[in-house]
Amino acid sequence: MNKAQFVDLVQKSGGYKTKVEAETAIKAFTEAVTEALVAKEDVSLVGFGSFASALQKGKSGKVPGTDKTYTTADKMVPKFKAGKGLKDRIAAGK
């Protein structure tokens, strides 16, 4: 599903009159979650899931075919854990 199809789905599901309203709602949601994660706060939506930011440890390895090695730095990454309600709905939709 691409963004345009998702906007249509949100418009239909949310009862929005226009696609612009639906796209504004999507943008507001994603901005709010992004701001919370940047501030290292978790966002939990009961029945849907939770968004969190987590530290991903750096790695070191070897480039295949050469003697060169590399090291990556630690970084913060977003994580999503599906809630029970979402898992149950998806399992029922098989």
N, C-alpha and C. Protein backbone atom coordinates (compact mmCIF):
# COMPACT_ATOMS: atom_id res chain seq x y z
N MET A 1 0.86 -1.17 0.00
CA MET A 1 0.00 0.00 0.00
C MET A 1 0.90 1.23 0.00
N ASN A 2 0.67 2.13 -0.94
CA ASN A 2 1.46 3.36 -0.96
C ASN A 2 0.76 4.45 -0.16
N LYS A 3 1.37 5.63 -0.10
CA LYS A 3 0.85 6.70 0.74
C LYS A 3 -0.54 7.16 0.28
N ALA A 4 -0.74 7.29 -1.02
CA ALA A 4 -2.04 7.74 -1.53
C ALA A 4 -3.15 6.76 -1.16
N GLN A 5 -2.86 5.47 -1.28
CA GLN A 5 -3.85 4.46 -0.90
C GLN A 5 -4.12 4.49 0.60
N PHE A 6 -3.07 4.73 1.39
CA PHE A 6 -3.24 4.82 2.84
C PHE A 6 -4.08 6.03 3.22
N VAL A 7 -3.85 7.16 2.55
CA VAL A 7 -4.66 8.36 2.81
C VAL A 7 -6.12 8.07 2.50
N ASP A 8 -6.41 7.38 1.39
CA ASP A 8 -7.79 7.01 1.06
C ASP A 8 -8.40 6.13 2.15
N LEU A 9 -7.63 5.17 2.65
CA LEU A 9 -8.11 4.27 3.69
C LEU A 9 -8.41 5.04 4.98
N VAL A 10 -7.52 5.96 5.36
CA VAL A 10 -7.73 6.77 6.57
C VAL A 10 -8.94 7.67 6.39
N GLN A 11 -9.12 8.23 5.20
CA GLN A 11 -10.28 9.08 4.95
C GLN A 11 -11.56 8.28 5.13
N LYS A 12 -11.59 7.07 4.59
CA LYS A 12 -12.78 6.23 4.69
C LYS A 12 -13.00 5.75 6.13
N SER A 13 -11.94 5.28 6.78
CA SER A 13 -12.06 4.74 8.13
C SER A 13 -12.35 5.81 9.17
N GLY A 14 -11.76 6.99 8.99
CA GLY A 14 -11.91 8.06 9.98
C GLY A 14 -13.07 8.99 9.73
N GLY A 15 -13.75 8.82 8.60
CA GLY A 15 -14.89 9.68 8.31
C GLY A 15 -14.49 11.10 7.95
N TYR A 16 -13.29 11.29 7.41
CA TYR A 16 -12.85 12.62 7.01
C TYR A 16 -13.55 12.99 5.70
N LYS A 17 -13.87 14.28 5.55
CA LYS A 17 -14.58 14.74 4.36
C LYS A 17 -13.66 14.81 3.14
N THR A 18 -12.39 15.18 3.37
CA THR A 18 -11.47 15.32 2.25
C THR A 18 -10.19 14.54 2.50
N LYS A 19 -9.47 14.30 1.41
CA LYS A 19 -8.19 13.62 1.52
C LYS A 19 -7.18 14.51 2.23
N VAL A 20 -7.31 15.81 2.09
CA VAL A 20 -6.40 16.75 2.75
C VAL A 20 -6.52 16.63 4.26
N GLU A 21 -7.75 16.52 4.76
CA GLU A 21 -7.96 16.34 6.20
C GLU A 21 -7.33 15.04 6.69
N ALA A 22 -7.50 13.96 5.92
CA ALA A 22 -6.94 12.67 6.30
C ALA A 22 -5.41 12.73 6.28
N GLU A 23 -4.84 13.37 5.27
CA GLU A 23 -3.39 13.49 5.19
C GLU A 23 -2.85 14.35 6.32
N THR A 24 -3.58 15.38 6.72
CA THR A 24 -3.18 16.22 7.85
C THR A 24 -3.18 15.42 9.14
N ALA A 25 -4.16 14.56 9.32
CA ALA A 25 -4.23 13.71 10.51
C ALA A 25 -3.06 12.74 10.56
N ILE A 26 -2.72 12.15 9.42
CA ILE A 26 -1.59 11.22 9.35
C ILE A 26 -0.30 11.95 9.68
N LYS A 27 -0.14 13.14 9.10
CA LYS A 27 1.08 13.92 9.33
C LYS A 27 1.20 14.33 10.80
N ALA A 28 0.09 14.72 11.41
CA ALA A 28 0.09 15.11 12.83
C ALA A 28 0.49 13.92 13.70
N PHE A 29 -0.05 12.75 13.40
CA PHE A 29 0.28 11.55 14.18
C PHE A 29 1.76 11.22 14.07
N THR A 30 2.27 11.18 12.85
CA THR A 30 3.68 10.82 12.66
C THR A 30 4.62 11.85 13.27
N GLU A 31 4.27 13.13 13.18
CA GLU A 31 5.10 14.18 13.81
C GLU A 31 5.10 14.03 15.32
N ALA A 32 3.95 13.76 15.90
CA ALA A 32 3.85 13.63 17.35
C ALA A 32 4.67 12.44 17.85
N VAL A 33 4.57 11.31 17.16
CA VAL A 33 5.34 10.13 17.55
C VAL A 33 6.84 10.40 17.40
N THR A 34 7.21 11.05 16.29
CA THR A 34 8.62 11.37 16.06
C THR A 34 9.17 12.27 17.16
N GLU A 35 8.43 13.32 17.52
CA GLU A 35 8.88 14.23 18.58
C GLU A 35 9.05 13.50 19.90
N ALA A 36 8.11 12.61 20.22
CA ALA A 36 8.21 11.86 21.47
C ALA A 36 9.43 10.95 21.46
N LEU A 37 9.70 10.27 20.35
CA LEU A 37 10.84 9.38 20.28
C LEU A 37 12.16 10.14 20.33
N VAL A 38 12.21 11.31 19.71
CA VAL A 38 13.42 12.13 19.79
C VAL A 38 13.68 12.55 21.23
N ALA A 39 12.61 12.80 21.98
CA ALA A 39 12.74 13.17 23.39
C ALA A 39 12.93 11.94 24.29
N LYS A 40 13.14 10.77 23.67
CA LYS A 40 13.36 9.49 24.37
C LYS A 40 12.17 9.10 25.25
N GLU A 41 10.97 9.42 24.79
CA GLU A 41 9.75 9.02 25.47
C GLU A 41 9.09 7.90 24.68
N ASP A 42 8.48 6.95 25.37
CA ASP A 42 7.75 5.87 24.70
C ASP A 42 6.32 6.33 24.42
N VAL A 43 5.73 5.81 23.34
CA VAL A 43 4.34 6.10 23.01
C VAL A 43 3.61 4.77 22.98
N SER A 44 2.64 4.59 23.89
CA SER A 44 1.88 3.35 23.96
C SER A 44 0.44 3.61 23.57
N LEU A 45 -0.05 2.85 22.60
CA LEU A 45 -1.44 2.94 22.17
C LEU A 45 -2.06 1.58 22.50
N VAL A 46 -2.87 1.55 23.56
CA VAL A 46 -3.43 0.30 24.07
C VAL A 46 -4.20 -0.41 22.96
N GLY A 47 -3.91 -1.68 22.77
CA GLY A 47 -4.56 -2.48 21.75
C GLY A 47 -3.88 -2.42 20.40
N PHE A 48 -3.03 -1.43 20.17
CA PHE A 48 -2.34 -1.30 18.89
C PHE A 48 -0.87 -1.66 19.01
N GLY A 49 -0.17 -0.97 19.91
CA GLY A 49 1.24 -1.26 20.10
C GLY A 49 1.96 -0.11 20.76
N SER A 50 3.28 -0.23 20.82
CA SER A 50 4.06 0.83 21.45
C SER A 50 5.30 1.14 20.61
N PHE A 51 5.61 2.42 20.56
CA PHE A 51 6.78 2.92 19.87
C PHE A 51 7.80 3.31 20.93
N ALA A 52 9.07 3.01 20.69
CA ALA A 52 10.13 3.36 21.63
C ALA A 52 11.41 3.62 20.85
N SER A 53 12.32 4.36 21.47
CA SER A 53 13.64 4.52 20.88
C SER A 53 14.61 3.69 21.72
N ALA A 54 15.52 3.00 21.03
CA ALA A 54 16.44 2.11 21.72
C ALA A 54 17.85 2.31 21.18
N LEU A 55 18.83 2.03 22.02
CA LEU A 55 20.23 2.14 21.62
C LEU A 55 20.64 0.88 20.88
N GLN A 56 21.14 1.06 19.67
CA GLN A 56 21.67 -0.07 18.90
C GLN A 56 23.19 -0.01 19.00
N LYS A 57 23.77 -1.05 19.55
CA LYS A 57 25.22 -1.09 19.73
C LYS A 57 25.92 -1.12 18.38
N GLY A 58 27.10 -0.51 18.33
CA GLY A 58 27.90 -0.53 17.12
C GLY A 58 28.46 -1.91 16.87
N LYS A 59 28.84 -2.15 15.64
CA LYS A 59 29.38 -3.45 15.25
C LYS A 59 30.76 -3.27 14.66
N SER A 60 31.53 -4.32 14.67
CA SER A 60 32.79 -4.33 13.94
C SER A 60 32.82 -5.60 13.12
N GLY A 61 33.45 -5.51 11.97
CA GLY A 61 33.49 -6.67 11.09
C GLY A 61 34.60 -6.54 10.07
N LYS A 62 34.63 -7.51 9.17
CA LYS A 62 35.66 -7.55 8.16
C LYS A 62 35.01 -7.49 6.78
N VAL A 63 35.59 -6.70 5.87
CA VAL A 63 35.09 -6.60 4.51
C VAL A 63 35.49 -7.89 3.78
N PRO A 64 34.52 -8.60 3.21
CA PRO A 64 34.85 -9.86 2.53
C PRO A 64 35.85 -9.67 1.39
N GLY A 65 36.81 -10.57 1.30
CA GLY A 65 37.79 -10.54 0.22
C GLY A 65 38.97 -9.62 0.45
N THR A 66 38.97 -8.93 1.58
CA THR A 66 40.08 -8.04 1.90
C THR A 66 40.47 -8.22 3.36
N ASP A 67 41.52 -7.54 3.75
CA ASP A 67 41.93 -7.56 5.16
C ASP A 67 41.40 -6.34 5.91
N LYS A 68 40.57 -5.53 5.24
CA LYS A 68 40.04 -4.31 5.87
C LYS A 68 38.97 -4.65 6.89
N THR A 69 38.97 -3.90 7.97
CA THR A 69 37.93 -4.05 8.99
C THR A 69 37.18 -2.73 9.11
N TYR A 70 36.00 -2.81 9.65
CA TYR A 70 35.21 -1.60 9.86
C TYR A 70 34.54 -1.66 11.22
N THR A 71 34.14 -0.48 11.71
CA THR A 71 33.44 -0.36 12.97
C THR A 71 32.32 0.66 12.79
N THR A 72 31.13 0.33 13.25
CA THR A 72 30.03 1.29 13.22
C THR A 72 29.81 1.83 14.63
N ALA A 73 29.28 3.02 14.70
CA ALA A 73 29.05 3.68 15.99
C ALA A 73 27.71 3.25 16.59
N ASP A 74 27.58 3.43 17.90
CA ASP A 74 26.29 3.22 18.56
C ASP A 74 25.33 4.28 18.04
N LYS A 75 24.04 3.91 17.92
CA LYS A 75 23.05 4.89 17.47
C LYS A 75 21.68 4.57 18.06
N MET A 76 20.84 5.59 18.10
CA MET A 76 19.47 5.42 18.56
C MET A 76 18.61 5.05 17.36
N VAL A 77 17.74 4.04 17.53
CA VAL A 77 16.86 3.59 16.46
C VAL A 77 15.43 3.47 16.99
N PRO A 78 14.44 3.67 16.12
CA PRO A 78 13.06 3.49 16.55
C PRO A 78 12.69 2.01 16.57
N LYS A 79 11.83 1.64 17.52
CA LYS A 79 11.34 0.27 17.63
C LYS A 79 9.82 0.31 17.76
N PHE A 80 9.15 -0.71 17.24
CA PHE A 80 7.71 -0.84 17.39
C PHE A 80 7.40 -2.25 17.87
N LYS A 81 6.57 -2.35 18.88
CA LYS A 81 6.14 -3.66 19.38
C LYS A 81 4.62 -3.70 19.27
N ALA A 82 4.12 -4.65 18.49
CA ALA A 82 2.68 -4.77 18.28
C ALA A 82 1.98 -5.20 19.57
N GLY A 83 0.80 -4.63 19.78
CA GLY A 83 0.00 -4.97 20.95
C GLY A 83 -0.85 -6.20 20.70
N LYS A 84 -1.44 -6.73 21.76
CA LYS A 84 -2.23 -7.95 21.66
C LYS A 84 -3.43 -7.79 20.73
N GLY A 85 -4.11 -6.66 20.80
CA GLY A 85 -5.27 -6.42 19.94
C GLY A 85 -4.90 -6.46 18.47
N LEU A 86 -3.79 -5.84 18.10
CA LEU A 86 -3.33 -5.83 16.72
C LEU A 86 -2.94 -7.24 16.28
N LYS A 87 -2.21 -7.94 17.14
CA LYS A 87 -1.79 -9.31 16.81
C LYS A 87 -3.00 -10.21 16.59
N ASP A 88 -4.01 -10.09 17.48
CA ASP A 88 -5.21 -10.91 17.36
C ASP A 88 -5.98 -10.63 16.08
N ARG A 89 -6.12 -9.34 15.71
CA ARG A 89 -6.85 -8.98 14.48
C ARG A 89 -6.14 -9.51 13.26
N ILE A 90 -4.81 -9.42 13.24
CA ILE A 90 -4.05 -9.90 12.08
C ILE A 90 -4.16 -11.43 11.98
N ALA A 91 -4.07 -12.11 13.13
CA ALA A 91 -4.16 -13.58 13.13
C ALA A 91 -5.54 -14.03 12.66
N ALA A 92 -6.58 -13.30 13.01
CA ALA A 92 -7.95 -13.66 12.62
C ALA A 92 -8.19 -13.39 11.15
N GLY A 93 -7.40 -12.53 10.53
CA GLY A 93 -7.60 -12.15 9.13
C GLY A 93 -6.94 -13.08 8.13
N LYS A 94 -6.43 -14.21 8.57
CA LYS A 94 -5.74 -15.15 7.66
C LYS A 94 -6.65 -15.62 6.55
